[in-house]
Amino acid sequence: MEKNGTMISKMLIAAFGALASACLAYGYTETAAACRSNEGDANSVEAVLRQLKQTTEKLQSYQGQVEYLFSQPLLESKTLQKGVLYYAKYGNKSKLRINLETLKQDDEKEQKYAEHFIFDGVWLTRLDYQIKSVERHQLAEPNEPVDAFELASRNLPIIGFTKVEELQNHFEITLVEAKDEKREAVPSAEKDTAEFVHLHFRTRPDSTYKDDYTSIDLWIDRNLGLPAKVVAVSTEDDVYEIKLLKPAVNKEIDRKTFEFEIPKGFGEPRVVPLPKESKER
């Protein structure tokens, strides 16, 4: 469970990075135009990828619903968690909070299951309300905080500030045309396949990410210019799927949203300091 919890932390933060970097300048017409570029144009892949990089820094805040599905096909097991996600930038610092509130295991009934993740630029804190535990992972030096996008780019290479040329060194990137899209794969049952841009990333054999993921898929809603779904397949054939729903972009978020106290009855926090090799860089 601990391994899965760590992966959840990485995947949710990475998914949010994808959310922002994939044309998340709401109302930004040039970005939306790039996302709606001609699917038959071979350059459209590069156009979308360049916009992923250019729009990241434009985001000031985001909040919305998140659905996280972890599947293990070999074990015929699925776990679905739902919650809310908040991100805000205050000056040169940013905050991220993901509150997962429910859980559905396989065909069982959905139940309350609170698991919260808070990132303040230095520490990633995970609160597990089921076993009343706290984990705190230091991810940066106190005087050198990192943005959620930068953190995301460490875990999922399509995110953040990665250069298009570097992406192409690690992945074979293709644009899946609507006519080739499987209907059941699109993020929303109410929408047609043509209403999404679908990018597929296949990990190259010599990539530094070859031991983590075999493929990554990203769906972008054409009308909103917003990503709707991210799917990553691990080298162990586990599948991590994140849907991002009902977004509110650049709306004011109270700073208190990112504050927390360790609840009564919880054990002492498990603290994981920054690795020595990270400090020496």
Protein backbone atom coordinates (compact mmCIF):
# COMPACT_ATOMS: atom_id res chain seq x y z
CA MET A 1 0.00 0.00 0.00
CA GLU A 2 2.91 2.31 0.74
CA LYS A 3 4.29 1.83 -2.76
CA ASN A 4 0.90 2.61 -4.26
CA GLY A 5 0.56 5.66 -2.02
CA THR A 6 3.87 7.02 -3.24
CA MET A 7 2.84 6.41 -6.85
CA ILE A 8 -0.48 8.12 -6.21
CA SER A 9 1.42 11.18 -5.00
CA LYS A 10 3.57 11.24 -8.11
CA MET A 11 0.79 10.52 -10.55
CA LEU A 12 -1.65 13.08 -9.17
CA ILE A 13 0.96 15.83 -9.13
CA ALA A 14 2.11 14.78 -12.58
CA ALA A 15 -1.44 14.71 -13.86
CA PHE A 16 -1.97 18.21 -12.59
CA GLY A 17 1.16 19.30 -14.40
CA ALA A 18 -0.33 17.82 -17.55
CA LEU A 19 -3.53 19.67 -16.84
CA ALA A 20 -1.81 23.01 -16.73
CA SER A 21 0.72 22.49 -19.45
CA ALA A 22 -1.77 21.08 -21.92
CA CYS A 23 -3.42 24.28 -23.10
CA LEU A 24 -4.69 25.41 -19.73
CA ALA A 25 -4.89 29.11 -20.53
CA TYR A 26 -8.67 29.30 -20.33
CA GLY A 27 -9.89 31.78 -22.89
CA TYR A 28 -6.42 32.01 -24.44
CA THR A 29 -7.46 31.81 -28.10
CA GLU A 30 -4.03 31.17 -29.59
CA THR A 31 -3.58 28.13 -27.34
CA ALA A 32 -7.01 26.79 -28.15
CA ALA A 33 -6.31 27.29 -31.85
CA ALA A 34 -3.11 25.26 -31.54
CA CYS A 35 -5.02 22.45 -29.82
CA ARG A 36 -7.57 22.50 -32.63
CA SER A 37 -4.92 22.35 -35.35
CA ASN A 38 -5.44 20.15 -38.36
CA GLU A 39 -5.13 16.52 -37.31
CA GLY A 40 -3.74 15.59 -40.69
CA ASP A 41 -0.88 18.05 -40.36
CA ALA A 42 2.28 16.29 -39.18
CA ASN A 43 3.39 19.51 -37.53
CA SER A 44 0.29 19.61 -35.32
CA VAL A 45 1.99 17.35 -32.75
CA GLU A 46 4.81 19.83 -32.36
CA ALA A 47 2.34 22.71 -32.27
CA VAL A 48 0.44 21.16 -29.37
CA LEU A 49 3.63 20.23 -27.51
CA ARG A 50 5.06 23.72 -27.83
CA GLN A 51 1.86 25.12 -26.37
CA LEU A 52 2.16 22.70 -23.46
CA LYS A 53 5.40 24.38 -22.55
CA GLN A 54 4.37 27.97 -23.30
CA THR A 55 1.13 28.00 -21.33
CA THR A 56 2.39 26.44 -18.09
CA GLU A 57 3.55 29.70 -16.58
CA LYS A 58 0.32 31.52 -17.42
CA LEU A 59 -1.76 29.68 -14.83
CA GLN A 60 -2.43 31.50 -11.54
CA SER A 61 -4.99 29.16 -9.98
CA TYR A 62 -7.05 26.06 -10.65
CA GLN A 63 -9.64 24.02 -8.80
CA GLY A 64 -11.82 21.15 -9.90
CA GLN A 65 -12.86 17.56 -9.40
CA VAL A 66 -10.45 14.69 -9.88
CA GLU A 67 -11.03 10.96 -10.43
CA TYR A 68 -8.11 8.59 -9.99
CA LEU A 69 -8.39 5.00 -11.22
CA PHE A 70 -5.63 2.50 -10.43
CA SER A 71 -5.92 -0.77 -12.37
CA GLN A 72 -3.94 -4.00 -12.20
CA PRO A 73 -5.14 -6.02 -15.22
CA LEU A 74 -3.15 -9.12 -14.28
CA LEU A 75 -4.96 -9.26 -10.93
CA GLU A 76 -8.26 -8.06 -12.40
CA SER A 77 -8.29 -5.36 -9.75
CA LYS A 78 -9.49 -1.74 -9.93
CA THR A 79 -9.53 1.02 -7.33
CA LEU A 80 -11.35 4.30 -8.01
CA GLN A 81 -10.82 7.37 -5.82
CA LYS A 82 -12.60 10.71 -6.20
CA GLY A 83 -11.96 14.14 -4.76
CA VAL A 84 -11.00 17.74 -5.43
CA LEU A 85 -7.82 19.47 -6.53
CA TYR A 86 -6.58 23.01 -5.79
CA TYR A 87 -3.58 24.92 -7.14
CA ALA A 88 -2.62 28.55 -6.61
CA LYS A 89 0.39 30.71 -7.27
CA TYR A 90 1.24 33.49 -4.81
CA GLY A 91 4.10 35.58 -6.14
CA ASN A 92 7.04 33.26 -6.76
CA LYS A 93 5.58 30.45 -4.67
CA SER A 94 2.86 27.93 -5.48
CA LYS A 95 0.64 25.60 -3.48
CA LEU A 96 -1.06 22.36 -4.44
CA ARG A 97 -3.65 20.32 -2.54
CA ILE A 98 -5.46 17.14 -3.58
CA ASN A 99 -8.19 15.80 -1.29
CA LEU A 100 -9.32 12.29 -2.22
CA GLU A 101 -12.54 11.60 -0.31
CA THR A 102 -14.11 8.36 -1.59
CA LEU A 103 -12.99 4.90 -2.70
CA LYS A 104 -14.57 2.13 -4.76
CA GLN A 105 -12.80 -1.22 -4.91
CA ASP A 106 -13.76 -3.44 -7.88
CA ASP A 107 -17.54 -4.03 -7.73
CA GLU A 108 -17.95 -2.99 -4.10
CA LYS A 109 -20.00 0.02 -3.02
CA GLU A 110 -18.33 3.42 -2.97
CA GLN A 111 -17.28 4.40 0.54
CA LYS A 112 -15.78 7.35 2.36
CA TYR A 113 -12.00 7.15 2.24
CA ALA A 114 -10.09 10.33 3.00
CA GLU A 115 -6.52 10.73 1.75
CA HIS A 116 -5.07 14.22 1.39
CA PHE A 117 -1.91 15.43 -0.36
CA ILE A 118 -0.46 18.91 0.22
CA PHE A 119 2.60 20.34 -1.52
CA ASP A 120 4.04 23.71 -0.44
CA GLY A 121 7.08 23.91 -2.71
CA VAL A 122 9.36 22.10 -0.27
CA TRP A 123 7.37 19.38 1.49
CA LEU A 124 4.85 16.88 0.11
CA THR A 125 2.56 15.82 2.96
CA ARG A 126 0.23 12.83 2.80
CA LEU A 127 -2.54 12.44 5.39
CA ASP A 128 -4.16 9.00 5.50
CA TYR A 129 -7.34 9.22 7.61
CA GLN A 130 -7.96 5.45 7.53
CA ILE A 131 -4.83 4.39 9.38
CA LYS A 132 -4.31 7.86 10.91
CA SER A 133 -0.83 8.30 9.53
CA VAL A 134 1.20 11.23 8.21
CA GLU A 135 4.08 11.12 5.74
CA ARG A 136 6.20 14.13 4.91
CA HIS A 137 8.65 13.96 1.99
CA GLN A 138 11.10 16.81 1.51
CA LEU A 139 11.43 17.51 -2.21
CA ALA A 140 13.46 20.73 -2.22
CA GLU A 141 15.67 22.93 -0.09
CA PRO A 142 13.75 25.47 2.05
CA ASN A 143 15.49 28.37 0.29
CA GLU A 144 14.92 26.82 -3.15
CA PRO A 145 11.22 25.85 -3.35
CA VAL A 146 9.94 24.32 -6.59
CA ASP A 147 6.66 24.84 -8.40
CA ALA A 148 4.20 21.96 -8.76
CA PHE A 149 4.95 21.96 -12.51
CA GLU A 150 8.65 21.54 -11.92
CA LEU A 151 7.96 18.74 -9.47
CA ALA A 152 5.62 17.14 -11.98
CA SER A 153 8.25 17.18 -14.69
CA ARG A 154 10.48 15.00 -12.51
CA ASN A 155 7.85 12.27 -12.44
CA LEU A 156 6.17 12.43 -15.82
CA PRO A 157 8.27 13.83 -18.66
CA ILE A 158 5.47 15.24 -20.81
CA ILE A 159 4.87 17.82 -18.14
CA GLY A 160 6.17 21.21 -17.15
CA PHE A 161 9.08 22.80 -18.88
CA THR A 162 10.43 19.90 -20.91
CA LYS A 163 11.57 20.90 -24.39
CA VAL A 164 9.80 19.36 -27.37
CA GLU A 165 13.11 18.11 -28.77
CA GLU A 166 13.90 16.35 -25.49
CA LEU A 167 10.48 14.72 -25.43
CA GLN A 168 11.02 13.37 -28.90
CA ASN A 169 14.32 11.87 -27.78
CA HIS A 170 12.49 9.83 -25.15
CA PHE A 171 9.18 9.11 -26.87
CA GLU A 172 7.62 8.29 -30.18
CA ILE A 173 4.80 10.85 -30.19
CA THR A 174 1.72 10.52 -32.35
CA LEU A 175 -1.59 12.30 -32.71
CA VAL A 176 -4.46 9.79 -32.69
CA GLU A 177 -7.04 10.85 -35.23
CA ALA A 178 -10.70 10.86 -34.25
CA LYS A 179 -11.57 8.21 -36.84
CA ASP A 180 -9.08 5.84 -35.19
CA GLU A 181 -10.16 6.61 -31.63
CA LYS A 182 -12.01 3.98 -29.63
CA ARG A 183 -15.30 5.37 -28.41
CA GLU A 184 -14.94 3.87 -24.92
CA ALA A 185 -11.56 5.55 -24.46
CA VAL A 186 -12.72 9.17 -24.63
CA PRO A 187 -13.09 10.99 -21.30
CA SER A 188 -16.81 11.77 -21.51
CA ALA A 189 -19.65 9.49 -22.60
CA GLU A 190 -21.64 12.56 -23.63
CA LYS A 191 -19.09 13.64 -26.22
CA ASP A 192 -17.94 12.31 -29.55
CA THR A 193 -14.36 11.22 -30.28
CA ALA A 194 -13.90 14.23 -32.59
CA GLU A 195 -14.27 16.56 -29.62
CA PHE A 196 -10.91 15.56 -28.18
CA VAL A 197 -7.25 15.85 -29.16
CA HIS A 198 -5.48 12.63 -28.23
CA LEU A 199 -1.68 12.48 -27.94
CA HIS A 200 0.04 9.11 -27.53
CA PHE A 201 3.58 8.81 -26.12
CA ARG A 202 5.37 5.49 -26.60
CA THR A 203 8.58 5.19 -24.56
CA ARG A 204 11.70 4.62 -26.65
CA PRO A 205 13.92 1.62 -25.73
CA ASP A 206 16.87 3.87 -24.83
CA SER A 207 14.83 6.42 -22.87
CA THR A 208 15.68 7.21 -19.26
CA TYR A 209 11.97 6.57 -18.54
CA LYS A 210 12.00 3.05 -19.98
CA ASP A 211 11.94 1.50 -16.50
CA ASP A 212 8.90 3.54 -15.40
CA TYR A 213 6.34 3.78 -18.21
CA THR A 214 5.70 1.99 -21.47
CA SER A 215 3.20 4.60 -22.70
CA ILE A 216 1.35 7.78 -21.74
CA ASP A 217 -1.86 9.13 -23.29
CA LEU A 218 -3.33 12.60 -22.96
CA TRP A 219 -6.81 13.71 -24.09
CA ILE A 220 -7.58 17.42 -24.52
CA ASP A 221 -11.11 18.82 -24.82
CA ARG A 222 -11.15 20.77 -28.10
CA ASN A 223 -13.90 23.19 -27.08
CA LEU A 224 -12.35 24.21 -23.76
CA GLY A 225 -8.70 23.74 -24.67
CA LEU A 226 -8.47 21.79 -21.40
CA PRO A 227 -7.12 18.29 -20.78
CA ALA A 228 -9.77 15.84 -19.67
CA LYS A 229 -7.85 12.63 -19.10
CA VAL A 230 -4.32 11.26 -18.59
CA VAL A 231 -3.44 7.55 -18.72
CA ALA A 232 -0.01 6.10 -17.92
CA VAL A 233 0.91 2.41 -18.24
CA SER A 234 3.79 1.23 -16.07
CA THR A 235 6.41 -1.35 -16.99
CA GLU A 236 4.58 -3.69 -14.60
CA ASP A 237 1.39 -3.25 -16.70
CA ASP A 238 -0.32 -1.26 -13.95
CA VAL A 239 -2.54 1.51 -15.33
CA TYR A 240 -2.88 4.97 -13.77
CA GLU A 241 -5.82 6.99 -15.10
CA ILE A 242 -6.74 10.51 -14.01
CA LYS A 243 -9.82 12.44 -15.13
CA LEU A 244 -10.04 16.19 -14.51
CA LEU A 245 -13.57 17.51 -14.30
CA LYS A 246 -15.49 20.79 -13.85
CA PRO A 247 -12.46 23.10 -13.85
CA ALA A 248 -12.47 26.65 -12.47
CA VAL A 249 -9.45 28.54 -13.76
CA ASN A 250 -7.84 31.67 -12.33
CA LYS A 251 -10.50 32.08 -9.64
CA GLU A 252 -9.34 33.31 -6.25
CA ILE A 253 -8.56 30.53 -3.76
CA ASP A 254 -8.31 31.24 -0.03
CA ARG A 255 -4.78 30.62 1.27
CA LYS A 256 -6.27 28.69 4.18
CA THR A 257 -7.19 25.95 1.70
CA PHE A 258 -3.54 24.89 1.69
CA GLU A 259 -3.11 24.97 5.47
CA PHE A 260 -3.45 21.83 7.59
CA GLU A 261 -3.01 20.48 11.09
CA ILE A 262 -2.28 16.90 12.02
CA PRO A 263 -5.57 15.61 13.44
CA LYS A 264 -5.80 14.29 16.98
CA GLY A 265 -5.18 10.59 17.27
CA PHE A 266 -2.73 10.46 14.36
CA GLY A 267 0.69 8.94 14.93
CA GLU A 268 3.99 10.79 14.74
CA PRO A 269 4.79 11.93 11.18
CA ARG A 270 7.09 9.75 9.11
CA VAL A 271 9.61 12.27 7.81
CA VAL A 272 11.72 11.58 4.72
CA PRO A 273 14.39 14.30 4.28
CA LEU A 274 15.84 15.38 0.96
CA PRO A 275 18.33 12.77 -0.32
CA LYS A 276 21.97 13.75 0.01
CA GLU A 277 22.53 13.57 -3.76
CA SER A 278 19.74 16.14 -4.25
CA LYS A 279 21.32 18.49 -1.74
CA GLU A 280 24.69 18.26 -3.47
CA ARG A 281 23.35 19.25 -6.91
